[in-house]
C-alpha atoms as a PDB file:
ATOM      1  CA  MET A   1      10.416 -25.215 -20.226  1.00  0.00           C
ATOM      2  CA  SER A   2       8.937 -23.043 -17.224  1.00  0.00           C
ATOM      3  CA  THR A   3       5.511 -21.426 -17.702  1.00  0.00           C
ATOM      4  CA  ALA A   4       5.232 -17.840 -17.534  1.00  0.00           C
ATOM      5  CA  VAL A   5       2.688 -15.974 -15.022  1.00  0.00           C
ATOM      6  CA  LYS A   6      -0.157 -14.931 -17.428  1.00  0.00           C
ATOM      7  CA  SER A   7      -2.838 -12.753 -16.110  1.00  0.00           C
ATOM      8  CA  GLY A   8      -5.735 -14.694 -14.598  1.00  0.00           C
ATOM      9  CA  ASP A   9      -3.531 -16.659 -12.679  1.00  0.00           C
ATOM     10  CA  THR A  10      -2.741 -17.579  -9.053  1.00  0.00           C
ATOM     11  CA  VAL A  11       0.296 -17.238  -7.821  1.00  0.00           C
ATOM     12  CA  ALA A  12       2.274 -17.614  -4.455  1.00  0.00           C
ATOM     13  CA  VAL A  13       5.251 -14.520  -4.433  1.00  0.00           C
ATOM     14  CA  HIS A  14       7.791 -13.336  -1.241  1.00  0.00           C
ATOM     15  CA  TYR A  15       8.849 -10.215  -1.493  1.00  0.00           C
ATOM     16  CA  THR A  16      10.637  -7.400   0.391  1.00  0.00           C
ATOM     17  CA  GLY A  17       9.722  -3.446  -0.160  1.00  0.00           C
ATOM     18  CA  LYS A  18      11.808  -1.047   0.754  1.00  0.00           C
ATOM     19  CA  LEU A  19      12.019   2.866   0.318  1.00  0.00           C
ATOM     20  CA  GLU A  20      14.067   5.187  -1.481  1.00  0.00           C
ATOM     21  CA  ASP A  21      16.442   5.226   1.418  1.00  0.00           C
ATOM     22  CA  GLY A  22      17.121   1.281   1.835  1.00  0.00           C
ATOM     23  CA  SER A  23      14.719   0.893   4.680  1.00  0.00           C
ATOM     24  CA  VAL A  24      12.354  -2.011   4.770  1.00  0.00           C
ATOM     25  CA  PHE A  25       8.340  -1.300   4.481  1.00  0.00           C
ATOM     26  CA  ASP A  26       7.301  -4.526   4.545  1.00  0.00           C
ATOM     27  CA  SER A  27       8.310  -8.346   3.653  1.00  0.00           C
ATOM     28  CA  SER A  28       6.728 -11.572   3.321  1.00  0.00           C
ATOM     29  CA  ARG A  29      10.048 -13.530   4.162  1.00  0.00           C
ATOM     30  CA  GLU A  30       9.360 -14.201   7.931  1.00  0.00           C
ATOM     31  CA  ARG A  31       5.572 -16.161   7.093  1.00  0.00           C
ATOM     32  CA  GLU A  32       4.099 -17.379   3.921  1.00  0.00           C
ATOM     33  CA  PRO A  33       4.340 -16.180   0.651  1.00  0.00           C
ATOM     34  CA  LEU A  34       1.916 -13.754  -0.657  1.00  0.00           C
ATOM     35  CA  GLU A  35      -0.965 -15.354  -3.140  1.00  0.00           C
ATOM     36  CA  PHE A  36      -2.748 -13.456  -5.437  1.00  0.00           C
ATOM     37  CA  VAL A  37      -4.647 -13.751  -8.923  1.00  0.00           C
ATOM     38  CA  LEU A  38      -2.864 -11.523 -11.310  1.00  0.00           C
ATOM     39  CA  GLY A  39      -5.397  -9.102 -12.935  1.00  0.00           C
ATOM     40  CA  GLU A  40      -7.572  -8.676  -9.974  1.00  0.00           C
ATOM     41  CA  GLN A  41      -6.009  -5.876  -8.728  1.00  0.00           C
ATOM     42  CA  ASN A  42      -5.312  -7.013  -5.111  1.00  0.00           C
ATOM     43  CA  VAL A  43      -2.251  -5.550  -5.282  1.00  0.00           C
ATOM     44  CA  ILE A  44      -0.474  -2.608  -6.269  1.00  0.00           C
ATOM     45  CA  PRO A  45      -0.244  -2.149 -10.298  1.00  0.00           C
ATOM     46  CA  GLY A  46       3.303  -2.295 -10.656  1.00  0.00           C
ATOM     47  CA  PHE A  47       3.691  -5.240  -7.978  1.00  0.00           C
ATOM     48  CA  GLU A  48       1.271  -6.921 -10.563  1.00  0.00           C
ATOM     49  CA  LYS A  49       3.521  -6.063 -13.749  1.00  0.00           C
ATOM     50  CA  MET A  50       6.618  -6.939 -12.500  1.00  0.00           C
ATOM     51  CA  VAL A  51       5.229 -10.927 -11.532  1.00  0.00           C
ATOM     52  CA  LEU A  52       3.781 -10.827 -14.926  1.00  0.00           C
ATOM     53  CA  GLY A  53       5.787 -13.433 -17.100  1.00  0.00           C
ATOM     54  CA  MET A  54       7.919 -14.658 -14.163  1.00  0.00           C
ATOM     55  CA  THR A  55       8.750 -17.890 -14.064  1.00  0.00           C
ATOM     56  CA  THR A  56       8.815 -20.276 -11.024  1.00  0.00           C
ATOM     57  CA  GLY A  57      12.026 -19.984  -8.521  1.00  0.00           C
ATOM     58  CA  GLU A  58      12.758 -16.370 -10.692  1.00  0.00           C
ATOM     59  CA  THR A  59      13.574 -13.425  -8.446  1.00  0.00           C
ATOM     60  CA  LYS A  60      13.452 -10.067  -9.608  1.00  0.00           C
ATOM     61  CA  THR A  61      14.272  -6.540  -8.371  1.00  0.00           C
ATOM     62  CA  THR A  62      12.556  -3.333  -9.626  1.00  0.00           C
ATOM     63  CA  THR A  63      11.531   0.473  -8.556  1.00  0.00           C
ATOM     64  CA  ILE A  64       7.764   1.246  -8.859  1.00  0.00           C
ATOM     65  CA  PRO A  65       7.181   4.667  -9.185  1.00  0.00           C
ATOM     66  CA  ALA A  66       4.752   6.502  -7.217  1.00  0.00           C
ATOM     67  CA  ALA A  67       1.992   6.542  -9.842  1.00  0.00           C
ATOM     68  CA  ASP A  68       2.011   2.871  -9.807  1.00  0.00           C
ATOM     69  CA  ALA A  69       2.341   1.969  -6.339  1.00  0.00           C
ATOM     70  CA  TYR A  70       0.034   3.799  -3.895  1.00  0.00           C
ATOM     71  CA  GLY A  71      -0.335   6.809  -6.025  1.00  0.00           C
ATOM     72  CA  GLU A  72       0.586  10.540  -5.707  1.00  0.00           C
ATOM     73  CA  HIS A  73       0.593  12.282  -2.508  1.00  0.00           C
ATOM     74  CA  ARG A  74      -3.049  14.454  -2.834  1.00  0.00           C
ATOM     75  CA  PRO A  75      -2.909  17.578  -0.929  1.00  0.00           C
ATOM     76  CA  GLU A  76      -6.902  17.552  -1.149  1.00  0.00           C
ATOM     77  CA  MET A  77      -6.688  14.433   0.794  1.00  0.00           C
ATOM     78  CA  ILE A  78      -5.657  16.269   3.998  1.00  0.00           C
ATOM     79  CA  VAL A  79      -8.674  17.995   5.922  1.00  0.00           C
ATOM     80  CA  GLN A  80      -8.724  20.060   8.821  1.00  0.00           C
ATOM     81  CA  PHE A  81     -11.684  19.575  11.566  1.00  0.00           C
ATOM     82  CA  GLU A  82     -12.323  22.164  14.014  1.00  0.00           C
ATOM     83  CA  ARG A  83     -12.024  21.182  17.703  1.00  0.00           C
ATOM     84  CA  ASP A  84     -15.967  21.033  18.389  1.00  0.00           C
ATOM     85  CA  LYS A  85     -16.172  18.718  15.668  1.00  0.00           C
ATOM     86  CA  ILE A  86     -13.702  15.927  17.688  1.00  0.00           C
ATOM     87  CA  PRO A  87     -15.682  14.640  20.306  1.00  0.00           C
ATOM     88  CA  PRO A  88     -14.510  15.783  23.914  1.00  0.00           C
ATOM     89  CA  ASP A  89     -13.621  12.617  25.292  1.00  0.00           C
ATOM     90  CA  MET A  90     -11.616  11.765  22.441  1.00  0.00           C
ATOM     91  CA  ASP A  91      -7.606  12.009  23.223  1.00  0.00           C
ATOM     92  CA  VAL A  92      -6.513  12.744  19.563  1.00  0.00           C
ATOM     93  CA  GLN A  93      -2.822  12.021  19.020  1.00  0.00           C
ATOM     94  CA  ILE A  94      -0.275  12.248  16.352  1.00  0.00           C
ATOM     95  CA  GLY A  95       0.130   9.605  14.416  1.00  0.00           C
ATOM     96  CA  GLN A  96      -2.700   8.046  15.335  1.00  0.00           C
ATOM     97  CA  GLU A  97      -5.129   6.240  12.512  1.00  0.00           C
ATOM     98  CA  LEU A  98      -8.989   7.332  12.897  1.00  0.00           C
ATOM     99  CA  GLN A  99     -11.680   6.452  10.379  1.00  0.00           C
ATOM    100  CA  VAL A 100     -13.790   9.299   8.776  1.00  0.00           C
ATOM    101  CA  GLN A 101     -16.749   9.507   6.778  1.00  0.00           C
ATOM    102  CA  THR A 102     -17.152  10.891   3.398  1.00  0.00           C
ATOM    103  CA  THR A 103     -19.936  12.966   2.174  1.00  0.00           C
ATOM    104  CA  SER A 104     -21.100   9.626   0.311  1.00  0.00           C
ATOM    105  CA  GLY A 105     -21.080   7.720   3.688  1.00  0.00           C
ATOM    106  CA  GLN A 106     -17.828   5.547   2.524  1.00  0.00           C
ATOM    107  CA  ALA A 107     -15.306   5.336   5.797  1.00  0.00           C
ATOM    108  CA  LEU A 108     -11.840   6.224   5.120  1.00  0.00           C
ATOM    109  CA  PRO A 109      -8.715   5.648   6.915  1.00  0.00           C
ATOM    110  CA  ALA A 110      -7.320   8.843   7.687  1.00  0.00           C
ATOM    111  CA  ARG A 111      -3.859   9.634  10.205  1.00  0.00           C
ATOM    112  CA  VAL A 112      -3.751  12.883  12.608  1.00  0.00           C
ATOM    113  CA  VAL A 113      -0.917  14.890  11.615  1.00  0.00           C
ATOM    114  CA  ASP A 114      -1.324  18.290  13.537  1.00  0.00           C
ATOM    115  CA  THR A 115      -2.826  18.962  16.708  1.00  0.00           C
ATOM    116  CA  SER A 116      -4.067  22.239  18.282  1.00  0.00           C
ATOM    117  CA  ASP A 117      -6.321  24.466  20.693  1.00  0.00           C
ATOM    118  CA  ALA A 118      -8.066  25.042  17.268  1.00  0.00           C
ATOM    119  CA  GLY A 119      -8.283  21.801  15.118  1.00  0.00           C
ATOM    120  CA  VAL A 120      -7.096  18.562  13.969  1.00  0.00           C
ATOM    121  CA  THR A 121      -5.281  17.987  11.035  1.00  0.00           C
ATOM    122  CA  LEU A 122      -6.112  14.592   8.781  1.00  0.00           C
ATOM    123  CA  ASP A 123      -4.007  12.776   6.005  1.00  0.00           C
ATOM    124  CA  ALA A 124      -6.345  10.590   4.051  1.00  0.00           C
ATOM    125  CA  ASN A 125      -3.433   9.548   1.525  1.00  0.00           C
ATOM    126  CA  HIS A 126      -2.337   6.092   1.896  1.00  0.00           C
ATOM    127  CA  PRO A 127       1.126   6.363   4.138  1.00  0.00           C
ATOM    128  CA  LEU A 128       3.378   5.520   1.022  1.00  0.00           C
ATOM    129  CA  ALA A 129       1.649   7.606  -1.252  1.00  0.00           C
ATOM    130  CA  GLY A 130       3.889   9.962  -3.038  1.00  0.00           C
ATOM    131  CA  ARG A 131       6.830   7.347  -2.755  1.00  0.00           C
ATOM    132  CA  ASP A 132       8.743   5.062  -4.982  1.00  0.00           C
ATOM    133  CA  LEU A 133       9.105   1.536  -3.751  1.00  0.00           C
ATOM    134  CA  THR A 134      11.580  -1.016  -4.594  1.00  0.00           C
ATOM    135  CA  PHE A 135      10.598  -4.425  -4.265  1.00  0.00           C
ATOM    136  CA  ASP A 136      12.881  -7.951  -4.462  1.00  0.00           C
ATOM    137  CA  ILE A 137      10.282 -10.578  -5.561  1.00  0.00           C
ATOM    138  CA  GLU A 138      10.506 -14.346  -5.873  1.00  0.00           C
ATOM    139  CA  LEU A 139       7.802 -16.343  -7.207  1.00  0.00           C
ATOM    140  CA  VAL A 140       7.525 -19.232  -5.183  1.00  0.00           C
ATOM    141  CA  GLU A 141       4.888 -20.895  -7.087  1.00  0.00           C
ATOM    142  CA  ILE A 142       2.276 -20.432  -9.830  1.00  0.00           C
ATOM    143  CA  VAL A 143      -0.739 -21.878  -7.823  1.00  0.00           C
ATOM    144  CA  THR A 144      -3.302 -22.196 -10.628  1.00  0.00           C
ATOM    145  CA  GLU A 145      -3.122 -21.525 -14.381  1.00  0.00           C
END
C-alpha cells in the first residue's frame, strides 16, 4: 500500500501550469521536479491542497481558483508616479520590472503598465493575480515523511 502525502512531508512533483486558454505558463517537465515541504507555504495554497493525499506515481489535473492561487487582482496595487519622481536617466518601458519601496521600507516588484509625458503607471499585483490556473501534477516522490 502506498503512503499518502500529509502535511510536513517533503515531496517532489512534476507540474505543468496552464491558463484558461490552455497556454502553458510554467512547467517542470524539462528540468528537475519541484521539491517542497507541505504546510510551509512555499507554493500557492491550491497547489498544496492538490498534492495533499496523493501517492507516489499518482497524477492529477485540477483548476485552482484565483483566490487559492496568486489572489484576486487588486486595483489598489496599481500606482501612478509623476514623471518628476522617476530618475531622468531611467528609460522606463512598458512591461519592465521595477522594484518600488513601500512606506514600511519593503521592496515590492512591480511592472510598468503605462507611460506618458505626465507619469508612469506600475502594477504590483502578481502577473497571475486574478486568474484561475490549471495544473497537471505528478507526485514523483515522497522525499521524507
